[in-house]
N, C-alpha and C. Protein backbone atom coordinates (compact mmCIF):
# COMPACT_ATOMS: atom_id res chain seq x y z
N MET A 1 -38.54 14.21 6.14
CA MET A 1 -37.40 14.61 5.31
C MET A 1 -36.23 14.98 6.21
N PHE A 2 -35.04 15.03 5.62
CA PHE A 2 -33.84 15.37 6.38
C PHE A 2 -33.84 16.83 6.79
N GLU A 3 -33.31 17.08 7.99
CA GLU A 3 -33.00 18.45 8.35
C GLU A 3 -31.61 18.75 7.82
N PHE A 4 -31.22 20.01 7.86
CA PHE A 4 -29.94 20.39 7.27
C PHE A 4 -28.77 19.72 7.98
N ASP A 5 -28.80 19.60 9.31
CA ASP A 5 -27.73 18.94 10.06
C ASP A 5 -27.60 17.48 9.66
N GLN A 6 -28.72 16.81 9.53
CA GLN A 6 -28.69 15.41 9.13
C GLN A 6 -28.16 15.27 7.70
N TYR A 7 -28.51 16.20 6.84
CA TYR A 7 -28.04 16.18 5.46
C TYR A 7 -26.52 16.33 5.42
N LEU A 8 -25.98 17.28 6.20
CA LEU A 8 -24.53 17.46 6.24
C LEU A 8 -23.83 16.23 6.80
N GLY A 9 -24.41 15.62 7.82
CA GLY A 9 -23.82 14.41 8.39
C GLY A 9 -23.83 13.26 7.40
N PHE A 10 -24.92 13.11 6.67
CA PHE A 10 -25.01 12.05 5.67
C PHE A 10 -24.01 12.26 4.54
N ILE A 11 -23.88 13.51 4.08
CA ILE A 11 -22.92 13.82 3.01
C ILE A 11 -21.49 13.60 3.49
N SER A 12 -21.18 14.00 4.72
CA SER A 12 -19.82 13.78 5.24
C SER A 12 -19.55 12.29 5.42
N PHE A 13 -20.54 11.52 5.85
CA PHE A 13 -20.37 10.07 5.97
C PHE A 13 -20.08 9.45 4.60
N LEU A 14 -20.85 9.83 3.60
CA LEU A 14 -20.61 9.28 2.26
C LEU A 14 -19.25 9.68 1.72
N THR A 15 -18.83 10.90 2.01
CA THR A 15 -17.51 11.36 1.55
C THR A 15 -16.39 10.54 2.20
N ILE A 16 -16.47 10.36 3.50
CA ILE A 16 -15.44 9.58 4.20
C ILE A 16 -15.45 8.13 3.73
N LEU A 17 -16.62 7.57 3.54
CA LEU A 17 -16.74 6.19 3.05
C LEU A 17 -16.12 6.05 1.66
N THR A 18 -16.40 7.00 0.79
CA THR A 18 -15.86 6.95 -0.57
C THR A 18 -14.34 7.12 -0.59
N ILE A 19 -13.84 8.05 0.23
CA ILE A 19 -12.39 8.24 0.31
C ILE A 19 -11.72 6.96 0.80
N GLY A 20 -12.30 6.33 1.83
CA GLY A 20 -11.73 5.09 2.35
C GLY A 20 -11.77 3.97 1.32
N PHE A 21 -12.86 3.88 0.57
CA PHE A 21 -12.96 2.85 -0.46
C PHE A 21 -11.87 3.01 -1.52
N TRP A 22 -11.71 4.22 -2.04
CA TRP A 22 -10.71 4.43 -3.08
C TRP A 22 -9.29 4.32 -2.54
N LEU A 23 -9.09 4.67 -1.27
CA LEU A 23 -7.77 4.48 -0.67
C LEU A 23 -7.44 3.00 -0.57
N MET A 24 -8.39 2.18 -0.18
CA MET A 24 -8.13 0.75 -0.11
C MET A 24 -7.87 0.16 -1.49
N ILE A 25 -8.61 0.59 -2.49
CA ILE A 25 -8.36 0.12 -3.85
C ILE A 25 -6.95 0.49 -4.29
N PHE A 26 -6.55 1.74 -4.03
CA PHE A 26 -5.22 2.20 -4.40
C PHE A 26 -4.14 1.41 -3.68
N LEU A 27 -4.31 1.18 -2.39
CA LEU A 27 -3.31 0.44 -1.63
C LEU A 27 -3.20 -1.00 -2.09
N LEU A 28 -4.33 -1.64 -2.34
CA LEU A 28 -4.30 -3.06 -2.71
C LEU A 28 -3.80 -3.29 -4.13
N THR A 29 -3.99 -2.32 -5.02
CA THR A 29 -3.59 -2.55 -6.41
C THR A 29 -2.25 -1.94 -6.78
N PHE A 30 -1.75 -0.98 -6.00
CA PHE A 30 -0.50 -0.35 -6.39
C PHE A 30 0.55 -0.38 -5.29
N VAL A 31 0.24 0.13 -4.13
CA VAL A 31 1.25 0.33 -3.10
C VAL A 31 1.77 -0.99 -2.54
N ILE A 32 0.88 -1.89 -2.17
CA ILE A 32 1.32 -3.14 -1.56
C ILE A 32 2.09 -4.02 -2.56
N PRO A 33 1.61 -4.21 -3.81
CA PRO A 33 2.43 -4.98 -4.75
C PRO A 33 3.77 -4.31 -5.05
N TYR A 34 3.81 -2.99 -5.14
CA TYR A 34 5.07 -2.27 -5.38
C TYR A 34 6.04 -2.52 -4.22
N TRP A 35 5.54 -2.47 -3.00
CA TRP A 35 6.37 -2.70 -1.83
C TRP A 35 6.87 -4.14 -1.79
N LEU A 36 5.99 -5.11 -2.08
CA LEU A 36 6.40 -6.51 -2.04
C LEU A 36 7.41 -6.84 -3.12
N ILE A 37 7.21 -6.33 -4.32
CA ILE A 37 8.14 -6.60 -5.41
C ILE A 37 9.49 -5.97 -5.11
N GLY A 38 9.48 -4.75 -4.59
CA GLY A 38 10.74 -4.09 -4.23
C GLY A 38 11.47 -4.83 -3.13
N ALA A 39 10.75 -5.31 -2.13
CA ALA A 39 11.37 -6.07 -1.04
C ALA A 39 11.96 -7.38 -1.57
N LEU A 40 11.25 -8.04 -2.46
CA LEU A 40 11.75 -9.29 -3.04
C LEU A 40 13.01 -9.05 -3.87
N ARG A 41 13.00 -7.98 -4.66
CA ARG A 41 14.20 -7.65 -5.46
C ARG A 41 15.40 -7.35 -4.58
N GLU A 42 15.19 -6.60 -3.50
CA GLU A 42 16.29 -6.30 -2.57
C GLU A 42 16.79 -7.57 -1.90
N TYR A 43 15.88 -8.45 -1.52
CA TYR A 43 16.28 -9.70 -0.88
C TYR A 43 17.12 -10.55 -1.83
N LEU A 44 16.69 -10.64 -3.09
CA LEU A 44 17.45 -11.44 -4.06
C LEU A 44 18.80 -10.82 -4.35
N LYS A 45 18.84 -9.50 -4.44
CA LYS A 45 20.11 -8.82 -4.69
C LYS A 45 21.06 -9.01 -3.52
N TYR A 46 20.54 -8.93 -2.29
CA TYR A 46 21.36 -9.14 -1.11
C TYR A 46 21.87 -10.58 -1.08
N GLY A 47 21.03 -11.54 -1.45
CA GLY A 47 21.45 -12.94 -1.46
C GLY A 47 22.57 -13.19 -2.45
N ARG A 48 22.47 -12.58 -3.65
CA ARG A 48 23.53 -12.74 -4.64
C ARG A 48 24.83 -12.10 -4.17
N ASN A 49 24.74 -10.92 -3.59
CA ASN A 49 25.94 -10.26 -3.09
C ASN A 49 26.57 -11.04 -1.96
N ARG A 50 25.75 -11.62 -1.08
CA ARG A 50 26.29 -12.40 0.02
C ARG A 50 27.03 -13.62 -0.50
N GLN A 51 26.47 -14.29 -1.51
CA GLN A 51 27.15 -15.45 -2.09
C GLN A 51 28.47 -15.05 -2.72
N ASN A 52 28.47 -13.91 -3.45
CA ASN A 52 29.72 -13.45 -4.07
C ASN A 52 30.76 -13.09 -3.02
N LEU A 53 30.36 -12.45 -1.94
CA LEU A 53 31.29 -12.10 -0.88
C LEU A 53 31.84 -13.34 -0.19
N GLU A 54 31.01 -14.33 0.04
CA GLU A 54 31.50 -15.57 0.69
C GLU A 54 32.46 -16.31 -0.22
N GLU A 55 32.22 -16.30 -1.53
CA GLU A 55 33.12 -16.98 -2.46
C GLU A 55 34.45 -16.25 -2.55
N ASN A 56 34.43 -14.93 -2.52
CA ASN A 56 35.66 -14.15 -2.66
C ASN A 56 36.51 -14.20 -1.40
N THR A 57 35.93 -14.37 -0.23
CA THR A 57 36.70 -14.38 1.00
C THR A 57 37.30 -15.75 1.28
N LYS A 58 36.83 -16.79 0.64
CA LYS A 58 37.38 -18.14 0.88
C LYS A 58 38.65 -18.35 0.11
């Protein structure tokens, strides 16, 4: 059977593993898509503004 030190080590390992699993789920389903969509929107907005500025300066 486990000794108390081994039990604490096993519980801490499971805790760290679980935290890492849920962090990866959170990052892959919310943070990364939010970042990519925001970057795409900024890129498109910058492209439209650049076209308008080039048309107005000519």
